[in-house]
PDB file of N, CA and C in Angstrom:
ATOM      1  N   UNK A   1       7.867  21.894 -85.867  1.00  0.00           N
ATOM      2  CA  UNK A   1       7.772  20.474 -85.612  1.00  0.00           C
ATOM      3  C   UNK A   1       6.650  20.225 -84.603  1.00  0.00           C
ATOM      4  N   UNK A   2       5.781  19.273 -84.916  1.00  0.00           N
ATOM      5  CA  UNK A   2       4.657  18.974 -84.039  1.00  0.00           C
ATOM      6  C   UNK A   2       5.064  17.941 -83.004  1.00  0.00           C
ATOM      7  N   UNK A   3       4.530  18.142 -81.834  1.00  0.00           N
ATOM      8  CA  UNK A   3       4.748  17.168 -80.764  1.00  0.00           C
ATOM      9  C   UNK A   3       3.446  16.441 -80.500  1.00  0.00           C
ATOM     10  N   UNK A   4       3.528  15.187 -80.291  1.00  0.00           N
ATOM     11  CA  UNK A   4       2.328  14.453 -79.907  1.00  0.00           C
ATOM     12  C   UNK A   4       2.408  14.170 -78.423  1.00  0.00           C
ATOM     13  N   UNK A   5       1.328  14.460 -77.798  1.00  0.00           N
ATOM     14  CA  UNK A   5       1.261  14.198 -76.363  1.00  0.00           C
ATOM     15  C   UNK A   5       0.803  12.773 -76.144  1.00  0.00           C
ATOM     16  N   UNK A   6       1.518  12.098 -75.344  1.00  0.00           N
ATOM     17  CA  UNK A   6       1.135  10.735 -75.015  1.00  0.00           C
ATOM     18  C   UNK A   6       0.637  10.701 -73.587  1.00  0.00           C
ATOM     19  N   UNK A   7      -0.525  10.158 -73.433  1.00  0.00           N
ATOM     20  CA  UNK A   7      -1.069  10.027 -72.095  1.00  0.00           C
ATOM     21  C   UNK A   7      -0.664   8.674 -71.545  1.00  0.00           C
ATOM     22  N   UNK A   8      -0.347   8.633 -70.283  1.00  0.00           N
ATOM     23  CA  UNK A   8       0.043   7.342 -69.703  1.00  0.00           C
ATOM     24  C   UNK A   8      -1.117   6.360 -69.754  1.00  0.00           C
ATOM     25  N   UNK A   9      -0.801   5.132 -70.008  1.00  0.00           N
ATOM     26  CA  UNK A   9      -1.840   4.097 -70.046  1.00  0.00           C
ATOM     27  C   UNK A   9      -2.462   3.972 -68.664  1.00  0.00           C
ATOM     28  N   UNK A  10      -3.779   3.913 -68.641  1.00  0.00           N
ATOM     29  CA  UNK A  10      -4.435   3.757 -67.357  1.00  0.00           C
ATOM     30  C   UNK A  10      -4.341   2.302 -66.937  1.00  0.00           C
ATOM     31  N   UNK A  11      -3.991   2.133 -65.715  1.00  0.00           N
ATOM     32  CA  UNK A  11      -3.828   0.791 -65.174  1.00  0.00           C
ATOM     33  C   UNK A  11      -5.178   0.248 -64.738  1.00  0.00           C
ATOM     34  N   UNK A  12      -5.456  -0.961 -65.104  1.00  0.00           N
ATOM     35  CA  UNK A  12      -6.724  -1.579 -64.739  1.00  0.00           C
ATOM     36  C   UNK A  12      -6.789  -1.774 -63.227  1.00  0.00           C
ATOM     37  N   UNK A  13      -7.944  -1.515 -62.682  1.00  0.00           N
ATOM     38  CA  UNK A  13      -8.158  -1.705 -61.252  1.00  0.00           C
ATOM     39  C   UNK A  13      -8.651  -3.130 -61.038  1.00  0.00           C
ATOM     40  N   UNK A  14      -7.985  -3.842 -60.159  1.00  0.00           N
ATOM     41  CA  UNK A  14      -8.415  -5.198 -59.833  1.00  0.00           C
ATOM     42  C   UNK A  14      -9.434  -5.097 -58.702  1.00  0.00           C
ATOM     43  N   UNK A  15     -10.605  -5.636 -58.944  1.00  0.00           N
ATOM     44  CA  UNK A  15     -11.678  -5.575 -57.956  1.00  0.00           C
ATOM     45  C   UNK A  15     -11.386  -6.574 -56.844  1.00  0.00           C
ATOM     46  N   UNK A  16     -11.456  -6.094 -55.617  1.00  0.00           N
ATOM     47  CA  UNK A  16     -11.211  -6.923 -54.439  1.00  0.00           C
ATOM     48  C   UNK A  16     -12.455  -7.776 -54.159  1.00  0.00           C
ATOM     49  N   UNK A  17     -12.355  -9.059 -54.462  1.00  0.00           N
ATOM     50  CA  UNK A  17     -13.490  -9.978 -54.289  1.00  0.00           C
ATOM     51  C   UNK A  17     -13.946 -10.036 -52.825  1.00  0.00           C
ATOM     52  N   UNK A  18     -13.005  -9.985 -51.893  1.00  0.00           N
ATOM     53  CA  UNK A  18     -13.361 -10.018 -50.472  1.00  0.00           C
ATOM     54  C   UNK A  18     -14.175  -8.777 -50.087  1.00  0.00           C
ATOM     55  N   UNK A  19     -13.813  -7.628 -50.663  1.00  0.00           N
ATOM     56  CA  UNK A  19     -14.549  -6.398 -50.369  1.00  0.00           C
ATOM     57  C   UNK A  19     -15.960  -6.472 -50.962  1.00  0.00           C
ATOM     58  N   UNK A  20     -16.080  -7.070 -52.149  1.00  0.00           N
ATOM     59  CA  UNK A  20     -17.403  -7.270 -52.750  1.00  0.00           C
ATOM     60  C   UNK A  20     -18.252  -8.120 -51.819  1.00  0.00           C
ATOM     61  N   UNK A  21     -17.674  -9.202 -51.305  1.00  0.00           N
ATOM     62  CA  UNK A  21     -18.410 -10.086 -50.401  1.00  0.00           C
ATOM     63  C   UNK A  21     -18.810  -9.361 -49.121  1.00  0.00           C
ATOM     64  N   UNK A  22     -17.935  -8.488 -48.613  1.00  0.00           N
ATOM     65  CA  UNK A  22     -18.254  -7.703 -47.412  1.00  0.00           C
ATOM     66  C   UNK A  22     -19.487  -6.831 -47.640  1.00  0.00           C
ATOM     67  N   UNK A  23     -19.538  -6.166 -48.792  1.00  0.00           N
ATOM     68  CA  UNK A  23     -20.679  -5.294 -49.097  1.00  0.00           C
ATOM     69  C   UNK A  23     -21.947  -6.134 -49.257  1.00  0.00           C
ATOM     70  N   UNK A  24     -21.838  -7.264 -49.935  1.00  0.00           N
ATOM     71  CA  UNK A  24     -23.011  -8.140 -50.070  1.00  0.00           C
ATOM     72  C   UNK A  24     -23.484  -8.612 -48.696  1.00  0.00           C
ATOM     73  N   UNK A  25     -22.559  -8.923 -47.808  1.00  0.00           N
ATOM     74  CA  UNK A  25     -22.930  -9.339 -46.447  1.00  0.00           C
ATOM     75  C   UNK A  25     -23.624  -8.202 -45.702  1.00  0.00           C
ATOM     76  N   UNK A  26     -23.225  -6.975 -45.987  1.00  0.00           N
ATOM     77  CA  UNK A  26     -23.849  -5.806 -45.367  1.00  0.00           C
ATOM     78  C   UNK A  26     -25.300  -5.649 -45.867  1.00  0.00           C
ATOM     79  N   UNK A  27     -25.531  -5.978 -47.142  1.00  0.00           N
ATOM     80  CA  UNK A  27     -26.859  -5.838 -47.740  1.00  0.00           C
ATOM     81  C   UNK A  27     -27.768  -7.036 -47.459  1.00  0.00           C
ATOM     82  N   UNK A  28     -27.179  -8.159 -47.156  1.00  0.00           N
ATOM     83  CA  UNK A  28     -27.915  -9.416 -46.988  1.00  0.00           C
ATOM     84  C   UNK A  28     -29.108  -9.323 -46.021  1.00  0.00           C
ATOM     85  N   UNK A  29     -28.986  -8.715 -44.848  1.00  0.00           N
ATOM     86  CA  UNK A  29     -30.148  -8.652 -43.932  1.00  0.00           C
ATOM     87  C   UNK A  29     -31.371  -7.967 -44.549  1.00  0.00           C
ATOM     88  N   UNK A  30     -31.140  -6.967 -45.398  1.00  0.00           N
ATOM     89  CA  UNK A  30     -32.266  -6.278 -46.047  1.00  0.00           C
ATOM     90  C   UNK A  30     -32.960  -7.196 -47.044  1.00  0.00           C
ATOM     91  N   UNK A  31     -32.173  -7.969 -47.770  1.00  0.00           N
ATOM     92  CA  UNK A  31     -32.744  -8.915 -48.729  1.00  0.00           C
ATOM     93  C   UNK A  31     -33.472 -10.041 -48.004  1.00  0.00           C
ATOM     94  N   UNK A  32     -32.868 -10.533 -46.928  1.00  0.00           N
ATOM     95  CA  UNK A  32     -33.470 -11.633 -46.178  1.00  0.00           C
ATOM     96  C   UNK A  32     -34.758 -11.203 -45.490  1.00  0.00           C
ATOM     97  N   UNK A  33     -34.860  -9.940 -45.135  1.00  0.00           N
ATOM     98  CA  UNK A  33     -36.088  -9.441 -44.509  1.00  0.00           C
ATOM     99  C   UNK A  33     -37.281  -9.548 -45.464  1.00  0.00           C
ATOM    100  N   UNK A  34     -36.987  -9.554 -46.770  1.00  0.00           N
ATOM    101  CA  UNK A  34     -38.034  -9.697 -47.781  1.00  0.00           C
ATOM    102  C   UNK A  34     -38.098 -11.111 -48.344  1.00  0.00           C
ATOM    103  N   UNK A  35     -37.429 -12.057 -47.680  1.00  0.00           N
ATOM    104  CA  UNK A  35     -37.480 -13.449 -48.106  1.00  0.00           C
ATOM    105  C   UNK A  35     -36.506 -13.814 -49.211  1.00  0.00           C
ATOM    106  N   UNK A  36     -35.493 -12.979 -49.429  1.00  0.00           N
ATOM    107  CA  UNK A  36     -34.530 -13.242 -50.491  1.00  0.00           C
ATOM    108  C   UNK A  36     -33.112 -13.340 -49.979  1.00  0.00           C
ATOM    109  N   UNK A  37     -32.190 -13.409 -50.914  1.00  0.00           N
ATOM    110  CA  UNK A  37     -30.768 -13.461 -50.590  1.00  0.00           C
ATOM    111  C   UNK A  37     -29.985 -13.227 -51.870  1.00  0.00           C
ATOM    112  N   UNK A  38     -28.672 -13.108 -51.746  1.00  0.00           N
ATOM    113  CA  UNK A  38     -27.803 -12.909 -52.901  1.00  0.00           C
ATOM    114  C   UNK A  38     -26.549 -13.752 -52.714  1.00  0.00           C
ATOM    115  N   UNK A  39     -26.096 -14.346 -53.812  1.00  0.00           N
ATOM    116  CA  UNK A  39     -24.892 -15.173 -53.800  1.00  0.00           C
ATOM    117  C   UNK A  39     -23.900 -14.601 -54.807  1.00  0.00           C
ATOM    118  N   UNK A  40     -22.658 -14.397 -54.381  1.00  0.00           N
ATOM    119  CA  UNK A  40     -21.609 -13.939 -55.282  1.00  0.00           C
ATOM    120  C   UNK A  40     -21.148 -15.114 -56.128  1.00  0.00           C
ATOM    121  N   UNK A  41     -21.210 -14.963 -57.447  1.00  0.00           N
ATOM    122  CA  UNK A  41     -20.790 -16.013 -58.364  1.00  0.00           C
ATOM    123  C   UNK A  41     -19.373 -15.753 -58.856  1.00  0.00           C
ATOM    124  N   UNK A  42     -19.106 -14.542 -59.362  1.00  0.00           N
ATOM    125  CA  UNK A  42     -17.789 -14.249 -59.918  1.00  0.00           C
ATOM    126  C   UNK A  42     -17.596 -12.743 -60.029  1.00  0.00           C
ATOM    127  N   UNK A  43     -16.337 -12.337 -60.172  1.00  0.00           N
ATOM    128  CA  UNK A  43     -15.974 -10.963 -60.475  1.00  0.00           C
ATOM    129  C   UNK A  43     -15.029 -11.039 -61.668  1.00  0.00           C
ATOM    130  N   UNK A  44     -15.400 -10.412 -62.783  1.00  0.00           N
ATOM    131  CA  UNK A  44     -14.589 -10.499 -63.993  1.00  0.00           C
ATOM    132  C   UNK A  44     -13.449  -9.480 -63.963  1.00  0.00           C
ATOM    133  N   UNK A  45     -12.519  -9.661 -64.868  1.00  0.00           N
ATOM    134  CA  UNK A  45     -11.388  -8.741 -64.993  1.00  0.00           C
ATOM    135  C   UNK A  45     -11.855  -7.340 -65.399  1.00  0.00           C
ATOM    136  N   UNK A  46     -13.033  -7.247 -66.005  1.00  0.00           N
ATOM    137  CA  UNK A  46     -13.587  -5.953 -66.426  1.00  0.00           C
ATOM    138  C   UNK A  46     -14.353  -5.260 -65.309  1.00  0.00           C
ATOM    139  N   UNK A  47     -14.421  -5.870 -64.133  1.00  0.00           N
ATOM    140  CA  UNK A  47     -15.116  -5.260 -63.002  1.00  0.00           C
ATOM    141  C   UNK A  47     -16.595  -5.571 -62.939  1.00  0.00           C
ATOM    142  N   UNK A  48     -17.035  -6.577 -63.688  1.00  0.00           N
ATOM    143  CA  UNK A  48     -18.440  -6.976 -63.659  1.00  0.00           C
ATOM    144  C   UNK A  48     -18.628  -8.006 -62.547  1.00  0.00           C
ATOM    145  N   UNK A  49     -19.523  -7.686 -61.632  1.00  0.00           N
ATOM    146  CA  UNK A  49     -19.828  -8.588 -60.523  1.00  0.00           C
ATOM    147  C   UNK A  49     -21.036  -9.421 -60.920  1.00  0.00           C
ATOM    148  N   UNK A  50     -20.866 -10.734 -60.877  1.00  0.00           N
ATOM    149  CA  UNK A  50     -21.952 -11.650 -61.228  1.00  0.00           C
ATOM    150  C   UNK A  50     -22.521 -12.231 -59.939  1.00  0.00           C
ATOM    151  N   UNK A  51     -23.824 -12.076 -59.778  1.00  0.00           N
ATOM    152  CA  UNK A  51     -24.503 -12.565 -58.577  1.00  0.00           C
ATOM    153  C   UNK A  51     -25.712 -13.400 -58.980  1.00  0.00           C
ATOM    154  N   UNK A  52     -26.194 -14.163 -58.028  1.00  0.00           N
ATOM    155  CA  UNK A  52     -27.444 -14.906 -58.212  1.00  0.00           C
ATOM    156  C   UNK A  52     -28.383 -14.458 -57.099  1.00  0.00           C
ATOM    157  N   UNK A  53     -29.521 -13.907 -57.497  1.00  0.00           N
ATOM    158  CA  UNK A  53     -30.544 -13.556 -56.520  1.00  0.00           C
ATOM    159  C   UNK A  53     -31.300 -14.823 -56.171  1.00  0.00           C
ATOM    160  N   UNK A  54     -31.571 -15.004 -54.885  1.00  0.00           N
ATOM    161  CA  UNK A  54     -32.187 -16.234 -54.417  1.00  0.00           C
ATOM    162  C   UNK A  54     -33.484 -15.948 -53.669  1.00  0.00           C
ATOM    163  N   UNK A  55     -34.250 -17.001 -53.471  1.00  0.00           N
ATOM    164  CA  UNK A  55     -35.496 -16.888 -52.725  1.00  0.00           C
ATOM    165  C   UNK A  55     -36.467 -15.956 -53.421  1.00  0.00           C
ATOM    166  N   UNK A  56     -37.150 -15.158 -52.640  1.00  0.00           N
ATOM    167  CA  UNK A  56     -38.148 -14.231 -53.188  1.00  0.00           C
ATOM    168  C   UNK A  56     -37.522 -13.220 -54.147  1.00  0.00           C
ATOM    169  N   UNK A  57     -36.244 -12.893 -53.945  1.00  0.00           N
ATOM    170  CA  UNK A  57     -35.581 -11.922 -54.828  1.00  0.00           C
ATOM    171  C   UNK A  57     -35.392 -12.476 -56.238  1.00  0.00           C
ATOM    172  N   UNK A  58     -35.281 -13.775 -56.357  1.00  0.00           N
ATOM    173  CA  UNK A  58     -35.069 -14.389 -57.661  1.00  0.00           C
ATOM    174  C   UNK A  58     -36.275 -14.310 -58.574  1.00  0.00           C
ATOM    175  N   UNK A  59     -37.468 -14.221 -57.991  1.00  0.00           N
ATOM    176  CA  UNK A  59     -38.689 -14.198 -58.793  1.00  0.00           C
ATOM    177  C   UNK A  59     -39.476 -12.897 -58.662  1.00  0.00           C
ATOM    178  N   UNK A  60     -38.971 -11.979 -57.908  1.00  0.00           N
ATOM    179  CA  UNK A  60     -39.673 -10.712 -57.662  1.00  0.00           C
ATOM    180  C   UNK A  60     -39.652  -9.826 -58.902  1.00  0.00           C
ATOM    181  N   UNK A  61     -40.784  -9.188 -59.222  1.00  0.00           N
ATOM    182  CA  UNK A  61     -40.812  -8.271 -60.370  1.00  0.00           C
ATOM    183  C   UNK A  61     -39.866  -7.079 -60.186  1.00  0.00           C
ATOM    184  N   UNK A  62     -39.527  -6.761 -58.959  1.00  0.00           N
ATOM    185  CA  UNK A  62     -38.632  -5.632 -58.682  1.00  0.00           C
ATOM    186  C   UNK A  62     -37.166  -6.057 -58.592  1.00  0.00           C
ATOM    187  N   UNK A  63     -36.850  -7.278 -58.973  1.00  0.00           N
ATOM    188  CA  UNK A  63     -35.477  -7.766 -58.809  1.00  0.00           C
ATOM    189  C   UNK A  63     -34.467  -6.959 -59.620  1.00  0.00           C
ATOM    190  N   UNK A  64     -34.847  -6.476 -60.795  1.00  0.00           N
ATOM    191  CA  UNK A  64     -33.928  -5.654 -61.591  1.00  0.00           C
ATOM    192  C   UNK A  64     -33.634  -4.351 -60.867  1.00  0.00           C
ATOM    193  N   UNK A  65     -34.651  -3.760 -60.283  1.00  0.00           N
ATOM    194  CA  UNK A  65     -34.468  -2.530 -59.501  1.00  0.00           C
ATOM    195  C   UNK A  65     -33.557  -2.801 -58.308  1.00  0.00           C
ATOM    196  N   UNK A  66     -33.792  -3.891 -57.601  1.00  0.00           N
ATOM    197  CA  UNK A  66     -32.961  -4.261 -56.454  1.00  0.00           C
ATOM    198  C   UNK A  66     -31.515  -4.440 -56.889  1.00  0.00           C
ATOM    199  N   UNK A  67     -31.329  -5.107 -58.008  1.00  0.00           N
ATOM    200  CA  UNK A  67     -29.986  -5.390 -58.513  1.00  0.00           C
ATOM    201  C   UNK A  67     -29.247  -4.113 -58.899  1.00  0.00           C
ATOM    202  N   UNK A  68     -29.881  -3.267 -59.698  1.00  0.00           N
ATOM    203  CA  UNK A  68     -29.213  -2.077 -60.233  1.00  0.00           C
ATOM    204  C   UNK A  68     -29.174  -0.910 -59.249  1.00  0.00           C
ATOM    205  N   UNK A  69     -30.295  -0.606 -58.644  1.00  0.00           N
ATOM    206  CA  UNK A  69     -30.366   0.569 -57.777  1.00  0.00           C
ATOM    207  C   UNK A  69     -29.932   0.279 -56.336  1.00  0.00           C
ATOM    208  N   UNK A  70     -29.932  -0.976 -55.969  1.00  0.00           N
ATOM    209  CA  UNK A  70     -29.517  -1.332 -54.613  1.00  0.00           C
ATOM    210  C   UNK A  70     -28.117  -1.896 -54.594  1.00  0.00           C
ATOM    211  N   UNK A  71     -27.979  -3.112 -55.055  1.00  0.00           N
ATOM    212  CA  UNK A  71     -26.710  -3.826 -54.969  1.00  0.00           C
ATOM    213  C   UNK A  71     -25.628  -3.130 -55.801  1.00  0.00           C
ATOM    214  N   UNK A  72     -25.918  -2.827 -57.067  1.00  0.00           N
ATOM    215  CA  UNK A  72     -24.897  -2.222 -57.928  1.00  0.00           C
ATOM    216  C   UNK A  72     -24.432  -0.874 -57.395  1.00  0.00           C
ATOM    217  N   UNK A  73     -25.360  -0.031 -56.982  1.00  0.00           N
ATOM    218  CA  UNK A  73     -24.986   1.289 -56.478  1.00  0.00           C
ATOM    219  C   UNK A  73     -24.089   1.191 -55.238  1.00  0.00           C
ATOM    220  N   UNK A  74     -24.418   0.280 -54.336  1.00  0.00           N
ATOM    221  CA  UNK A  74     -23.609   0.114 -53.125  1.00  0.00           C
ATOM    222  C   UNK A  74     -22.217  -0.423 -53.462  1.00  0.00           C
ATOM    223  N   UNK A  75     -22.154  -1.389 -54.350  1.00  0.00           N
ATOM    224  CA  UNK A  75     -20.848  -1.939 -54.730  1.00  0.00           C
ATOM    225  C   UNK A  75     -19.987  -0.887 -55.418  1.00  0.00           C
ATOM    226  N   UNK A  76     -20.573  -0.103 -56.310  1.00  0.00           N
ATOM    227  CA  UNK A  76     -19.810   0.951 -56.981  1.00  0.00           C
ATOM    228  C   UNK A  76     -19.305   1.990 -55.983  1.00  0.00           C
ATOM    229  N   UNK A  77     -20.091   2.241 -54.955  1.00  0.00           N
ATOM    230  CA  UNK A  77     -19.710   3.241 -53.958  1.00  0.00           C
ATOM    231  C   UNK A  77     -18.567   2.749 -53.067  1.00  0.00           C
ATOM    232  N   UNK A  78     -18.593   1.489 -52.680  1.00  0.00           N
ATOM    233  CA  UNK A  78     -17.648   0.984 -51.689  1.00  0.00           C
ATOM    234  C   UNK A  78     -16.491   0.155 -52.248  1.00  0.00           C
ATOM    235  N   UNK A  79     -16.593  -0.298 -53.500  1.00  0.00           N
ATOM    236  CA  UNK A  79     -15.547  -1.164 -54.048  1.00  0.00           C
ATOM    237  C   UNK A  79     -15.011  -0.559 -55.346  1.00  0.00           C
ATOM    238  N   UNK A  80     -13.788  -0.042 -55.322  1.00  0.00           N
ATOM    239  CA  UNK A  80     -13.210   0.538 -56.535  1.00  0.00           C
ATOM    240  C   UNK A  80     -13.104  -0.495 -57.655  1.00  0.00           C
ATOM    241  N   UNK A  81     -13.429  -0.050 -58.860  1.00  0.00           N
ATOM    242  CA  UNK A  81     -13.280  -0.918 -60.022  1.00  0.00           C
ATOM    243  C   UNK A  81     -14.520  -1.644 -60.464  1.00  0.00           C
ATOM    244  N   UNK A  82     -15.569  -1.651 -59.628  1.00  0.00           N
ATOM    245  CA  UNK A  82     -16.812  -2.306 -60.026  1.00  0.00           C
ATOM    246  C   UNK A  82     -17.465  -1.460 -61.113  1.00  0.00           C
ATOM    247  N   UNK A  83     -17.771  -2.096 -62.246  1.00  0.00           N
ATOM    248  CA  UNK A  83     -18.374  -1.377 -63.364  1.00  0.00           C
ATOM    249  C   UNK A  83     -19.850  -1.701 -63.535  1.00  0.00           C
ATOM    250  N   UNK A  84     -20.242  -2.904 -63.135  1.00  0.00           N
ATOM    251  CA  UNK A  84     -21.622  -3.335 -63.341  1.00  0.00           C
ATOM    252  C   UNK A  84     -21.890  -4.556 -62.471  1.00  0.00           C
ATOM    253  N   UNK A  85     -23.163  -4.769 -62.163  1.00  0.00           N
ATOM    254  CA  UNK A  85     -23.592  -5.976 -61.467  1.00  0.00           C
ATOM    255  C   UNK A  85     -24.644  -6.634 -62.342  1.00  0.00           C
ATOM    256  N   UNK A  86     -24.465  -7.924 -62.595  1.00  0.00           N
ATOM    257  CA  UNK A  86     -25.424  -8.673 -63.409  1.00  0.00           C
ATOM    258  C   UNK A  86     -25.871  -9.931 -62.662  1.00  0.00           C
ATOM    259  N   UNK A  87     -27.093 -10.333 -62.946  1.00  0.00           N
ATOM    260  CA  UNK A  87     -27.640 -11.550 -62.367  1.00  0.00           C
ATOM    261  C   UNK A  87     -27.405 -12.703 -63.345  1.00  0.00           C
ATOM    262  N   UNK A  88     -26.905 -13.808 -62.840  1.00  0.00           N
ATOM    263  CA  UNK A  88     -26.656 -14.980 -63.694  1.00  0.00           C
ATOM    264  C   UNK A  88     -27.473 -16.149 -63.210  1.00  0.00           C
TER     265      UNK A  88
END
Protein backbone atom coordinates (compact mmCIF):
# COMPACT_ATOMS: atom_id res chain seq x y z
CA UNK A 1 0.00 0.00 0.00
CA UNK A 2 1.39 3.39 -0.99
CA UNK A 3 1.42 6.30 1.36
CA UNK A 4 1.26 9.84 0.17
CA UNK A 5 3.16 12.36 2.11
CA UNK A 6 1.35 15.55 2.73
CA UNK A 7 3.34 18.63 3.41
CA UNK A 8 1.80 21.20 5.69
CA UNK A 9 0.45 24.24 3.91
CA UNK A 10 2.82 27.13 4.20
CA UNK A 11 1.29 30.04 5.96
CA UNK A 12 1.46 33.36 4.18
CA UNK A 13 3.65 35.94 5.85
CA UNK A 14 1.92 39.25 6.42
CA UNK A 15 4.31 42.08 5.66
CA UNK A 16 4.56 44.61 8.49
CA UNK A 17 3.77 47.95 6.83
CA UNK A 18 5.26 49.88 9.78
CA UNK A 19 8.54 47.97 9.41
CA UNK A 20 8.57 48.76 5.67
CA UNK A 21 8.14 52.44 6.52
CA UNK A 22 10.97 52.23 9.08
CA UNK A 23 13.37 50.86 6.45
CA UNK A 24 12.30 53.51 3.94
CA UNK A 25 12.91 56.17 6.60
CA UNK A 26 16.38 54.69 7.13
CA UNK A 27 17.10 54.97 3.38
CA UNK A 28 15.50 58.40 2.93
CA UNK A 29 18.59 60.52 3.83
CA UNK A 30 20.60 58.81 1.07
CA UNK A 31 17.90 59.52 -1.50
CA UNK A 32 17.47 63.10 -0.30
CA UNK A 33 21.21 63.70 -0.56
CA UNK A 34 20.79 63.16 -4.32
CA UNK A 35 17.69 65.36 -4.54
CA UNK A 36 15.15 62.54 -4.38
CA UNK A 37 12.79 60.79 -2.01
CA UNK A 38 10.51 57.76 -1.76
CA UNK A 39 6.87 57.46 -0.74
CA UNK A 40 5.24 54.22 0.41
CA UNK A 41 2.02 53.69 -1.55
CA UNK A 42 0.90 50.18 -0.60
CA UNK A 43 1.94 46.69 0.47
CA UNK A 44 0.01 43.88 -1.22
CA UNK A 45 -1.01 40.55 0.28
CA UNK A 46 1.62 38.94 -1.98
CA UNK A 47 4.41 40.96 -0.34
CA UNK A 48 4.84 43.46 -3.17
CA UNK A 49 5.81 46.89 -1.87
CA UNK A 50 4.58 49.72 -4.07
CA UNK A 51 6.50 52.98 -3.83
CA UNK A 52 6.69 56.26 -5.69
CA UNK A 53 10.13 57.70 -6.33
CA UNK A 54 10.06 61.48 -6.07
CA UNK A 55 12.21 64.43 -7.02
CA UNK A 56 15.41 63.63 -8.86
CA UNK A 57 14.88 59.90 -8.20
CA UNK A 58 11.67 59.93 -10.22
CA UNK A 59 13.42 60.99 -13.42
CA UNK A 60 16.91 59.60 -12.90
CA UNK A 61 18.16 57.05 -15.45
CA UNK A 62 19.47 54.99 -12.52
CA UNK A 63 16.10 54.88 -10.75
CA UNK A 64 15.54 51.20 -11.63
CA UNK A 65 18.92 50.34 -10.13
CA UNK A 66 18.10 52.39 -7.01
CA UNK A 67 14.74 50.66 -6.71
CA UNK A 68 15.91 47.07 -7.20
CA UNK A 69 19.46 47.03 -5.87
CA UNK A 70 18.95 49.58 -3.11
CA UNK A 71 15.43 49.77 -1.77
CA UNK A 72 14.29 46.23 -2.66
CA UNK A 73 17.42 44.55 -1.31
CA UNK A 74 17.19 46.42 2.00
CA UNK A 75 13.49 45.69 2.42
CA UNK A 76 13.99 41.99 1.67
CA UNK A 77 16.81 41.88 4.21
CA UNK A 78 14.97 43.62 7.06
CA UNK A 79 11.27 42.89 6.47
CA UNK A 80 10.09 39.27 6.29
CA UNK A 81 7.66 38.53 3.49
CA UNK A 82 8.71 41.24 1.05
CA UNK A 83 8.87 39.64 -2.39
CA UNK A 84 9.37 42.63 -4.68
CA UNK A 85 9.42 46.42 -4.80
CA UNK A 86 7.77 48.22 -7.71
CA UNK A 87 7.45 51.86 -8.64
CA UNK A 88 3.91 53.11 -9.30
